[in-house]
Amino acid sequence: MTLPVSSSAAPSASAIQVQRPGKPASPHVGSAMAVLATLEQARILPPEGTKEADRIIKSVIQLQSLFSKSTHPDLQNFMRRAVEASRGKQAPDLVAQFQASGWTSDVLEALAEMAARTPAEDLQPLTPGLKTVNLSVEDFRQFMQLVKDGKETLASNGQDFHAVFAAHRKAMPGAGAY
């Protein structure tokens, strides 16, 4: 069974699978859907059905899984450093929230900022972890650039990235106490 992200979201976002009826949806599913809805609201997603759109959906899902569940030390170190640089003492709580519930706007923003200021060659240690889900450093950089562009586009329209994401997240499966 598939669910669309929202009535105004990109149809390509409907490719995210949810659990069978009667079982509660994973918060990770809802958070991935919220990312796509946020980027759709910023009007920066590529057209549905294109290879680029499919790659973005895969990146949203697989990167969330890798950064929240993988024990690959370079991936975990990169995320920890990114969130610490962005949020300081709040980092441990934000990382724990992300691991339990999936993407948050704080983690997305922190990773996007870190990816933007890190030279490509310094991201190469992420390659082995990314390869476990058939992603590349370039896939990671492209998704992080999309997050950065989405945040900037929303801001130019007088909207706050964190507020937009939170609104979408609350409307998605598995929102719980988000």
N, C-alpha and C. Protein backbone atom coordinates (compact mmCIF):
# COMPACT_ATOMS: atom_id res chain seq x y z
N MET A 1 0.84 -1.18 0.00
CA MET A 1 0.00 0.00 0.00
C MET A 1 0.88 1.24 0.00
N THR A 2 0.52 2.22 -0.78
CA THR A 2 1.27 3.48 -0.79
C THR A 2 0.34 4.60 -0.37
N LEU A 3 0.93 5.61 0.20
CA LEU A 3 0.19 6.81 0.58
C LEU A 3 0.86 8.01 -0.05
N PRO A 4 0.06 8.95 -0.58
CA PRO A 4 0.68 10.18 -1.06
C PRO A 4 1.19 10.97 0.13
N VAL A 5 2.18 11.82 -0.13
CA VAL A 5 2.75 12.63 0.94
C VAL A 5 1.68 13.57 1.48
N SER A 6 1.01 14.27 0.64
CA SER A 6 -0.11 15.13 1.01
C SER A 6 -0.85 15.46 -0.27
N SER A 7 -1.97 16.11 -0.14
CA SER A 7 -2.74 16.40 -1.34
C SER A 7 -2.01 17.34 -2.28
N SER A 8 -1.07 18.13 -1.76
CA SER A 8 -0.34 19.06 -2.62
C SER A 8 1.07 18.59 -2.93
N ALA A 9 1.43 17.41 -2.44
CA ALA A 9 2.80 16.93 -2.61
C ALA A 9 3.00 16.28 -3.97
N ALA A 10 4.25 16.11 -4.30
CA ALA A 10 4.61 15.49 -5.56
C ALA A 10 4.10 14.06 -5.61
N PRO A 11 3.48 13.65 -6.71
CA PRO A 11 3.02 12.28 -6.81
C PRO A 11 4.15 11.27 -6.62
N SER A 12 5.37 11.64 -6.97
CA SER A 12 6.48 10.70 -6.82
C SER A 12 6.70 10.31 -5.37
N ALA A 13 6.29 11.15 -4.47
CA ALA A 13 6.44 10.83 -3.05
C ALA A 13 5.56 9.66 -2.64
N SER A 14 4.56 9.34 -3.43
CA SER A 14 3.68 8.23 -3.10
C SER A 14 4.39 6.90 -3.23
N ALA A 15 5.61 6.90 -3.71
CA ALA A 15 6.36 5.66 -3.86
C ALA A 15 6.85 5.12 -2.52
N ILE A 16 6.71 5.90 -1.46
CA ILE A 16 7.12 5.42 -0.15
C ILE A 16 6.06 4.46 0.36
N GLN A 17 6.49 3.28 0.73
CA GLN A 17 5.58 2.25 1.22
C GLN A 17 5.31 2.45 2.70
N VAL A 18 4.07 2.17 3.10
CA VAL A 18 3.73 2.17 4.51
C VAL A 18 3.31 0.76 4.91
N GLN A 19 3.21 0.54 6.20
CA GLN A 19 2.87 -0.78 6.69
C GLN A 19 1.42 -1.11 6.40
N ARG A 20 1.08 -2.40 6.56
CA ARG A 20 -0.27 -2.89 6.32
C ARG A 20 -1.26 -2.18 7.23
N PRO A 21 -2.54 -2.08 6.77
CA PRO A 21 -3.57 -1.49 7.62
C PRO A 21 -3.66 -2.26 8.95
N GLY A 22 -3.95 -1.52 10.01
CA GLY A 22 -4.06 -2.15 11.31
C GLY A 22 -2.77 -2.11 12.11
N LYS A 23 -1.66 -1.90 11.47
CA LYS A 23 -0.38 -1.78 12.16
C LYS A 23 0.02 -0.31 12.15
N PRO A 24 0.56 0.17 13.26
CA PRO A 24 0.98 1.56 13.27
C PRO A 24 2.14 1.79 12.30
N ALA A 25 2.10 2.93 11.64
CA ALA A 25 3.16 3.27 10.70
C ALA A 25 4.43 3.64 11.44
N SER A 26 5.54 3.30 10.86
CA SER A 26 6.83 3.65 11.43
C SER A 26 7.02 5.16 11.38
N PRO A 27 7.55 5.73 12.45
CA PRO A 27 7.83 7.17 12.39
C PRO A 27 8.85 7.51 11.30
N HIS A 28 9.71 6.54 10.94
CA HIS A 28 10.69 6.78 9.88
C HIS A 28 10.00 6.97 8.52
N VAL A 29 8.90 6.27 8.29
CA VAL A 29 8.14 6.44 7.04
C VAL A 29 7.58 7.85 6.98
N GLY A 30 6.94 8.26 8.06
CA GLY A 30 6.35 9.59 8.09
C GLY A 30 7.37 10.71 7.96
N SER A 31 8.53 10.52 8.56
CA SER A 31 9.54 11.58 8.46
C SER A 31 10.11 11.67 7.04
N ALA A 32 10.28 10.53 6.37
CA ALA A 32 10.73 10.58 4.97
C ALA A 32 9.68 11.26 4.10
N MET A 33 8.41 10.95 4.36
CA MET A 33 7.33 11.59 3.61
C MET A 33 7.31 13.10 3.87
N ALA A 34 7.59 13.51 5.11
CA ALA A 34 7.61 14.93 5.45
C ALA A 34 8.74 15.66 4.73
N VAL A 35 9.89 15.00 4.58
CA VAL A 35 11.00 15.61 3.82
C VAL A 35 10.55 15.89 2.39
N LEU A 36 9.96 14.88 1.77
CA LEU A 36 9.52 15.05 0.38
C LEU A 36 8.44 16.12 0.26
N ALA A 37 7.51 16.16 1.20
CA ALA A 37 6.46 17.18 1.16
C ALA A 37 7.05 18.58 1.34
N THR A 38 8.05 18.70 2.21
CA THR A 38 8.70 19.99 2.43
C THR A 38 9.41 20.46 1.16
N LEU A 39 10.14 19.55 0.52
CA LEU A 39 10.84 19.90 -0.71
C LEU A 39 9.85 20.19 -1.84
N GLU A 40 8.72 19.50 -1.85
CA GLU A 40 7.69 19.78 -2.84
C GLU A 40 7.09 21.16 -2.61
N GLN A 41 6.86 21.50 -1.35
CA GLN A 41 6.31 22.83 -1.06
C GLN A 41 7.28 23.92 -1.52
N ALA A 42 8.57 23.64 -1.45
CA ALA A 42 9.57 24.58 -1.95
C ALA A 42 9.64 24.58 -3.48
N ARG A 43 8.94 23.63 -4.10
CA ARG A 43 8.88 23.49 -5.56
C ARG A 43 10.25 23.24 -6.19
N ILE A 44 11.02 22.35 -5.54
CA ILE A 44 12.35 22.06 -6.08
C ILE A 44 12.55 20.59 -6.42
N LEU A 45 11.49 19.78 -6.30
CA LEU A 45 11.63 18.38 -6.70
C LEU A 45 11.54 18.25 -8.21
N PRO A 46 12.30 17.33 -8.79
CA PRO A 46 12.21 17.10 -10.23
C PRO A 46 10.88 16.42 -10.57
N PRO A 47 10.52 16.39 -11.84
CA PRO A 47 9.25 15.78 -12.24
C PRO A 47 9.15 14.31 -11.85
N GLU A 48 7.94 13.93 -11.47
CA GLU A 48 7.66 12.54 -11.10
C GLU A 48 8.04 11.59 -12.23
N GLY A 49 8.56 10.44 -11.82
CA GLY A 49 8.86 9.40 -12.79
C GLY A 49 10.22 9.53 -13.47
N THR A 50 10.93 10.61 -13.21
CA THR A 50 12.26 10.75 -13.80
C THR A 50 13.27 9.99 -12.95
N LYS A 51 14.39 9.65 -13.55
CA LYS A 51 15.45 8.97 -12.81
C LYS A 51 15.92 9.84 -11.65
N GLU A 52 15.97 11.14 -11.86
CA GLU A 52 16.41 12.06 -10.81
C GLU A 52 15.43 12.03 -9.63
N ALA A 53 14.14 12.04 -9.91
CA ALA A 53 13.14 11.98 -8.84
C ALA A 53 13.25 10.66 -8.08
N ASP A 54 13.40 9.58 -8.79
CA ASP A 54 13.54 8.27 -8.15
C ASP A 54 14.79 8.23 -7.27
N ARG A 55 15.87 8.83 -7.74
CA ARG A 55 17.12 8.84 -6.98
C ARG A 55 16.97 9.66 -5.70
N ILE A 56 16.22 10.76 -5.77
CA ILE A 56 16.00 11.58 -4.57
C ILE A 56 15.18 10.80 -3.54
N ILE A 57 14.14 10.14 -3.99
CA ILE A 57 13.33 9.34 -3.06
C ILE A 57 14.19 8.26 -2.42
N LYS A 58 15.00 7.60 -3.21
CA LYS A 58 15.90 6.57 -2.67
C LYS A 58 16.86 7.20 -1.66
N SER A 59 17.41 8.35 -1.98
CA SER A 59 18.35 9.02 -1.08
C SER A 59 17.68 9.39 0.24
N VAL A 60 16.48 9.93 0.19
CA VAL A 60 15.75 10.31 1.40
C VAL A 60 15.60 9.09 2.32
N ILE A 61 15.18 8.00 1.75
CA ILE A 61 14.91 6.78 2.54
C ILE A 61 16.20 6.12 3.01
N GLN A 62 17.13 5.92 2.09
CA GLN A 62 18.34 5.17 2.43
C GLN A 62 19.28 5.96 3.34
N LEU A 63 19.40 7.26 3.12
CA LEU A 63 20.27 8.05 4.00
C LEU A 63 19.70 8.13 5.40
N GLN A 64 18.39 8.24 5.51
CA GLN A 64 17.77 8.21 6.83
C GLN A 64 18.11 6.90 7.54
N SER A 65 17.98 5.80 6.84
CA SER A 65 18.28 4.50 7.43
C SER A 65 19.75 4.40 7.83
N LEU A 66 20.62 4.82 6.94
CA LEU A 66 22.06 4.74 7.24
C LEU A 66 22.45 5.59 8.44
N PHE A 67 22.03 6.84 8.43
CA PHE A 67 22.45 7.73 9.51
C PHE A 67 21.76 7.41 10.83
N SER A 68 20.57 6.81 10.79
CA SER A 68 19.88 6.52 12.04
C SER A 68 20.20 5.13 12.60
N LYS A 69 20.57 4.18 11.74
CA LYS A 69 20.73 2.81 12.21
C LYS A 69 22.11 2.19 11.97
N SER A 70 22.83 2.70 11.02
CA SER A 70 24.13 2.11 10.69
C SER A 70 25.12 2.31 11.83
N THR A 71 25.98 1.34 11.99
CA THR A 71 27.05 1.48 12.97
C THR A 71 28.37 1.86 12.29
N HIS A 72 28.30 2.17 11.00
CA HIS A 72 29.51 2.56 10.27
C HIS A 72 30.10 3.80 10.95
N PRO A 73 31.32 3.71 11.47
CA PRO A 73 31.88 4.81 12.27
C PRO A 73 32.01 6.13 11.52
N ASP A 74 32.36 6.11 10.25
CA ASP A 74 32.53 7.38 9.52
C ASP A 74 31.19 8.08 9.32
N LEU A 75 30.13 7.32 9.06
CA LEU A 75 28.80 7.92 8.92
C LEU A 75 28.34 8.52 10.24
N GLN A 76 28.48 7.75 11.31
CA GLN A 76 28.03 8.23 12.61
C GLN A 76 28.86 9.43 13.08
N ASN A 77 30.15 9.41 12.83
CA ASN A 77 31.01 10.52 13.21
C ASN A 77 30.64 11.79 12.44
N PHE A 78 30.39 11.64 11.14
CA PHE A 78 30.02 12.80 10.32
C PHE A 78 28.73 13.42 10.85
N MET A 79 27.72 12.59 11.11
CA MET A 79 26.45 13.11 11.60
C MET A 79 26.63 13.77 12.96
N ARG A 80 27.32 13.11 13.87
CA ARG A 80 27.53 13.66 15.21
C ARG A 80 28.22 15.02 15.12
N ARG A 81 29.30 15.10 14.32
CA ARG A 81 30.02 16.37 14.17
C ARG A 81 29.13 17.45 13.56
N ALA A 82 28.32 17.08 12.58
CA ALA A 82 27.43 18.04 11.93
C ALA A 82 26.42 18.62 12.91
N VAL A 83 25.79 17.75 13.69
CA VAL A 83 24.77 18.22 14.63
C VAL A 83 25.42 19.00 15.78
N GLU A 84 26.58 18.57 16.24
CA GLU A 84 27.27 19.32 17.29
C GLU A 84 27.66 20.71 16.80
N ALA A 85 28.16 20.80 15.57
CA ALA A 85 28.56 22.10 15.02
C ALA A 85 27.37 23.04 14.87
N SER A 86 26.22 22.46 14.56
CA SER A 86 25.03 23.25 14.32
C SER A 86 24.24 23.57 15.60
N ARG A 87 24.18 22.61 16.51
CA ARG A 87 23.28 22.74 17.67
C ARG A 87 23.95 22.62 19.03
N GLY A 88 25.27 22.47 19.06
CA GLY A 88 26.01 22.46 20.31
C GLY A 88 25.54 21.42 21.30
N LYS A 89 25.20 21.87 22.50
CA LYS A 89 24.85 20.96 23.60
C LYS A 89 23.54 20.21 23.36
N GLN A 90 22.73 20.67 22.43
CA GLN A 90 21.47 19.98 22.10
C GLN A 90 21.73 18.73 21.25
N ALA A 91 22.93 18.59 20.73
CA ALA A 91 23.24 17.53 19.76
C ALA A 91 22.87 16.13 20.24
N PRO A 92 23.25 15.69 21.43
CA PRO A 92 22.92 14.32 21.83
C PRO A 92 21.41 14.04 21.80
N ASP A 93 20.61 14.99 22.27
CA ASP A 93 19.16 14.80 22.26
C ASP A 93 18.61 14.78 20.84
N LEU A 94 19.14 15.64 19.98
CA LEU A 94 18.67 15.68 18.58
C LEU A 94 19.05 14.40 17.84
N VAL A 95 20.24 13.89 18.08
CA VAL A 95 20.67 12.64 17.45
C VAL A 95 19.80 11.48 17.95
N ALA A 96 19.50 11.45 19.24
CA ALA A 96 18.65 10.39 19.79
C ALA A 96 17.24 10.47 19.21
N GLN A 97 16.70 11.67 19.07
CA GLN A 97 15.38 11.85 18.47
C GLN A 97 15.39 11.35 17.02
N PHE A 98 16.42 11.71 16.28
CA PHE A 98 16.55 11.27 14.90
C PHE A 98 16.62 9.75 14.80
N GLN A 99 17.42 9.13 15.65
CA GLN A 99 17.56 7.68 15.60
C GLN A 99 16.24 6.98 15.92
N ALA A 100 15.45 7.55 16.79
CA ALA A 100 14.18 6.95 17.17
C ALA A 100 13.06 7.21 16.16
N SER A 101 13.05 8.41 15.57
CA SER A 101 11.90 8.83 14.77
C SER A 101 12.19 9.22 13.34
N GLY A 102 13.44 9.24 12.93
CA GLY A 102 13.77 9.61 11.55
C GLY A 102 14.08 11.08 11.40
N TRP A 103 14.14 11.51 10.15
CA TRP A 103 14.55 12.87 9.81
C TRP A 103 13.88 13.91 10.69
N THR A 104 14.65 14.89 11.07
CA THR A 104 14.15 16.11 11.70
C THR A 104 14.74 17.26 10.91
N SER A 105 14.10 18.41 11.01
CA SER A 105 14.61 19.56 10.26
C SER A 105 15.98 19.98 10.80
N ASP A 106 16.20 19.80 12.11
CA ASP A 106 17.50 20.16 12.68
C ASP A 106 18.62 19.28 12.13
N VAL A 107 18.39 17.98 12.04
CA VAL A 107 19.40 17.05 11.52
C VAL A 107 19.62 17.30 10.03
N LEU A 108 18.55 17.49 9.28
CA LEU A 108 18.69 17.77 7.85
C LEU A 108 19.52 19.04 7.63
N GLU A 109 19.19 20.08 8.36
CA GLU A 109 19.91 21.35 8.22
C GLU A 109 21.38 21.18 8.60
N ALA A 110 21.65 20.48 9.69
CA ALA A 110 23.03 20.28 10.14
C ALA A 110 23.84 19.50 9.12
N LEU A 111 23.27 18.42 8.60
CA LEU A 111 23.98 17.63 7.59
C LEU A 111 24.20 18.44 6.32
N ALA A 112 23.19 19.21 5.90
CA ALA A 112 23.33 20.01 4.69
C ALA A 112 24.42 21.07 4.84
N GLU A 113 24.46 21.72 6.01
CA GLU A 113 25.50 22.73 6.27
C GLU A 113 26.89 22.09 6.25
N MET A 114 27.02 20.95 6.91
CA MET A 114 28.32 20.27 6.98
C MET A 114 28.75 19.79 5.59
N ALA A 115 27.82 19.23 4.83
CA ALA A 115 28.14 18.75 3.48
C ALA A 115 28.58 19.91 2.59
N ALA A 116 27.95 21.07 2.75
CA ALA A 116 28.27 22.22 1.90
C ALA A 116 29.67 22.77 2.19
N ARG A 117 30.11 22.67 3.44
CA ARG A 117 31.42 23.24 3.76
C ARG A 117 32.54 22.21 3.79
N THR A 118 32.23 20.96 3.48
CA THR A 118 33.24 19.91 3.48
C THR A 118 33.69 19.63 2.05
N PRO A 119 34.97 19.73 1.77
CA PRO A 119 35.46 19.42 0.41
C PRO A 119 35.12 17.98 0.03
N ALA A 120 34.86 17.77 -1.25
CA ALA A 120 34.46 16.45 -1.74
C ALA A 120 35.43 15.35 -1.31
N GLU A 121 36.71 15.63 -1.36
CA GLU A 121 37.69 14.60 -1.00
C GLU A 121 37.61 14.22 0.48
N ASP A 122 37.15 15.15 1.32
CA ASP A 122 37.01 14.85 2.75
C ASP A 122 35.74 14.05 3.06
N LEU A 123 34.86 13.92 2.06
CA LEU A 123 33.66 13.10 2.23
C LEU A 123 33.89 11.65 1.79
N GLN A 124 35.04 11.37 1.20
CA GLN A 124 35.31 10.02 0.70
C GLN A 124 35.24 8.93 1.77
N PRO A 125 35.58 9.20 3.04
CA PRO A 125 35.42 8.14 4.05
C PRO A 125 33.98 7.65 4.22
N LEU A 126 33.00 8.41 3.72
CA LEU A 126 31.60 7.98 3.79
C LEU A 126 31.28 6.92 2.75
N THR A 127 32.13 6.78 1.73
CA THR A 127 31.86 5.89 0.61
C THR A 127 31.53 4.46 1.02
N PRO A 128 32.31 3.79 1.86
CA PRO A 128 31.97 2.40 2.20
C PRO A 128 30.57 2.26 2.81
N GLY A 129 30.20 3.15 3.69
CA GLY A 129 28.87 3.09 4.29
C GLY A 129 27.77 3.36 3.28
N LEU A 130 27.99 4.35 2.42
CA LEU A 130 27.00 4.68 1.40
C LEU A 130 26.83 3.54 0.39
N LYS A 131 27.92 2.87 0.07
CA LYS A 131 27.86 1.77 -0.89
C LYS A 131 26.98 0.61 -0.41
N THR A 132 26.81 0.48 0.91
CA THR A 132 25.98 -0.62 1.42
C THR A 132 24.53 -0.51 0.97
N VAL A 133 24.11 0.68 0.55
CA VAL A 133 22.75 0.87 0.04
C VAL A 133 22.78 1.45 -1.39
N ASN A 134 23.88 1.20 -2.07
CA ASN A 134 24.03 1.62 -3.46
C ASN A 134 23.87 3.12 -3.67
N LEU A 135 24.42 3.89 -2.75
CA LEU A 135 24.47 5.34 -2.90
C LEU A 135 25.94 5.75 -2.97
N SER A 136 26.15 6.93 -3.50
CA SER A 136 27.50 7.48 -3.62
C SER A 136 27.61 8.78 -2.83
N VAL A 137 28.82 9.25 -2.68
CA VAL A 137 29.04 10.55 -2.05
C VAL A 137 28.31 11.62 -2.86
N GLU A 138 28.30 11.48 -4.17
CA GLU A 138 27.59 12.45 -5.01
C GLU A 138 26.09 12.43 -4.73
N ASP A 139 25.50 11.25 -4.52
CA ASP A 139 24.08 11.17 -4.15
C ASP A 139 23.84 11.92 -2.84
N PHE A 140 24.72 11.71 -1.88
CA PHE A 140 24.60 12.38 -0.59
C PHE A 140 24.69 13.89 -0.78
N ARG A 141 25.70 14.34 -1.52
CA ARG A 141 25.88 15.78 -1.73
C ARG A 141 24.68 16.38 -2.46
N GLN A 142 24.14 15.67 -3.45
CA GLN A 142 22.99 16.19 -4.19
C GLN A 142 21.76 16.34 -3.28
N PHE A 143 21.51 15.34 -2.45
CA PHE A 143 20.37 15.43 -1.54
C PHE A 143 20.57 16.57 -0.54
N MET A 144 21.76 16.70 0.00
CA MET A 144 22.03 17.77 0.95
C MET A 144 21.90 19.15 0.29
N GLN A 145 22.32 19.26 -0.97
CA GLN A 145 22.15 20.52 -1.70
C GLN A 145 20.67 20.82 -1.91
N LEU A 146 19.88 19.79 -2.18
CA LEU A 146 18.45 19.96 -2.34
C LEU A 146 17.82 20.48 -1.03
N VAL A 147 18.26 19.95 0.09
CA VAL A 147 17.77 20.42 1.39
C VAL A 147 18.14 21.90 1.57
N LYS A 148 19.39 22.23 1.26
CA LYS A 148 19.85 23.62 1.39
C LYS A 148 19.05 24.54 0.46
N ASP A 149 18.86 24.12 -0.78
CA ASP A 149 18.09 24.92 -1.73
C ASP A 149 16.64 25.06 -1.29
N GLY A 150 16.07 23.98 -0.76
CA GLY A 150 14.70 24.03 -0.28
C GLY A 150 14.54 25.02 0.86
N LYS A 151 15.48 25.01 1.79
CA LYS A 151 15.45 25.93 2.92
C LYS A 151 15.53 27.38 2.42
N GLU A 152 16.45 27.63 1.49
CA GLU A 152 16.61 28.98 0.95
C GLU A 152 15.39 29.43 0.17
N THR A 153 14.81 28.53 -0.61
CA THR A 153 13.63 28.88 -1.40
C THR A 153 12.45 29.19 -0.49
N LEU A 154 12.25 28.36 0.52
CA LEU A 154 11.17 28.63 1.47
C LEU A 154 11.39 29.98 2.15
N ALA A 155 12.62 30.26 2.57
CA ALA A 155 12.92 31.54 3.23
C ALA A 155 12.64 32.72 2.31
N SER A 156 12.96 32.57 1.02
CA SER A 156 12.72 33.67 0.08
C SER A 156 11.22 33.92 -0.12
N ASN A 157 10.41 32.93 0.24
CA ASN A 157 8.95 33.07 0.17
C ASN A 157 8.35 33.39 1.54
N GLY A 158 9.21 33.76 2.50
CA GLY A 158 8.74 34.13 3.83
C GLY A 158 8.35 32.95 4.71
N GLN A 159 8.83 31.75 4.37
CA GLN A 159 8.49 30.56 5.14
C GLN A 159 9.72 30.02 5.85
N ASP A 160 9.51 29.46 7.02
CA ASP A 160 10.59 28.88 7.81
C ASP A 160 10.68 27.38 7.53
N PHE A 161 11.84 26.90 7.15
CA PHE A 161 12.07 25.49 6.84
C PHE A 161 11.61 24.59 8.00
N HIS A 162 11.99 24.95 9.21
CA HIS A 162 11.65 24.13 10.38
C HIS A 162 10.14 24.07 10.61
N ALA A 163 9.45 25.19 10.45
CA ALA A 163 8.00 25.22 10.64
C ALA A 163 7.28 24.44 9.54
N VAL A 164 7.74 24.57 8.32
CA VAL A 164 7.13 23.84 7.20
C VAL A 164 7.31 22.34 7.41
N PHE A 165 8.53 21.94 7.76
CA PHE A 165 8.78 20.51 7.99
C PHE A 165 7.91 20.01 9.14
N ALA A 166 7.85 20.75 10.24
CA ALA A 166 7.07 20.32 11.41
C ALA A 166 5.59 20.14 11.05
N ALA A 167 5.05 21.05 10.26
CA ALA A 167 3.64 20.94 9.86
C ALA A 167 3.42 19.68 9.03
N HIS A 168 4.32 19.42 8.09
CA HIS A 168 4.18 18.20 7.28
C HIS A 168 4.38 16.96 8.14
N ARG A 169 5.35 17.02 9.05
CA ARG A 169 5.64 15.85 9.88
C ARG A 169 4.45 15.48 10.74
N LYS A 170 3.75 16.46 11.30
CA LYS A 170 2.59 16.20 12.15
C LYS A 170 1.45 15.56 11.38
N ALA A 171 1.40 15.79 10.06
CA ALA A 171 0.33 15.25 9.24
C ALA A 171 0.63 13.86 8.68
N MET A 172 1.82 13.36 8.93
CA MET A 172 2.24 12.09 8.35
C MET A 172 2.08 10.92 9.31
N PRO A 173 2.08 9.71 8.75
CA PRO A 173 1.99 8.52 9.59
C PRO A 173 3.12 8.46 10.62
N GLY A 174 2.79 7.93 11.79
CA GLY A 174 3.80 7.73 12.82
C GLY A 174 4.26 9.00 13.50
N ALA A 175 3.47 10.08 13.39
CA ALA A 175 3.88 11.35 13.98
C ALA A 175 3.94 11.28 15.50
N GLY A 176 3.05 10.54 16.10
CA GLY A 176 3.06 10.40 17.55
C GLY A 176 3.08 11.74 18.24
N ALA A 177 4.07 11.95 19.07
CA ALA A 177 4.16 13.20 19.84
C ALA A 177 5.01 14.24 19.15
N TYR A 178 5.31 14.07 17.86
CA TYR A 178 6.19 15.02 17.17
C TYR A 178 5.72 16.43 17.33
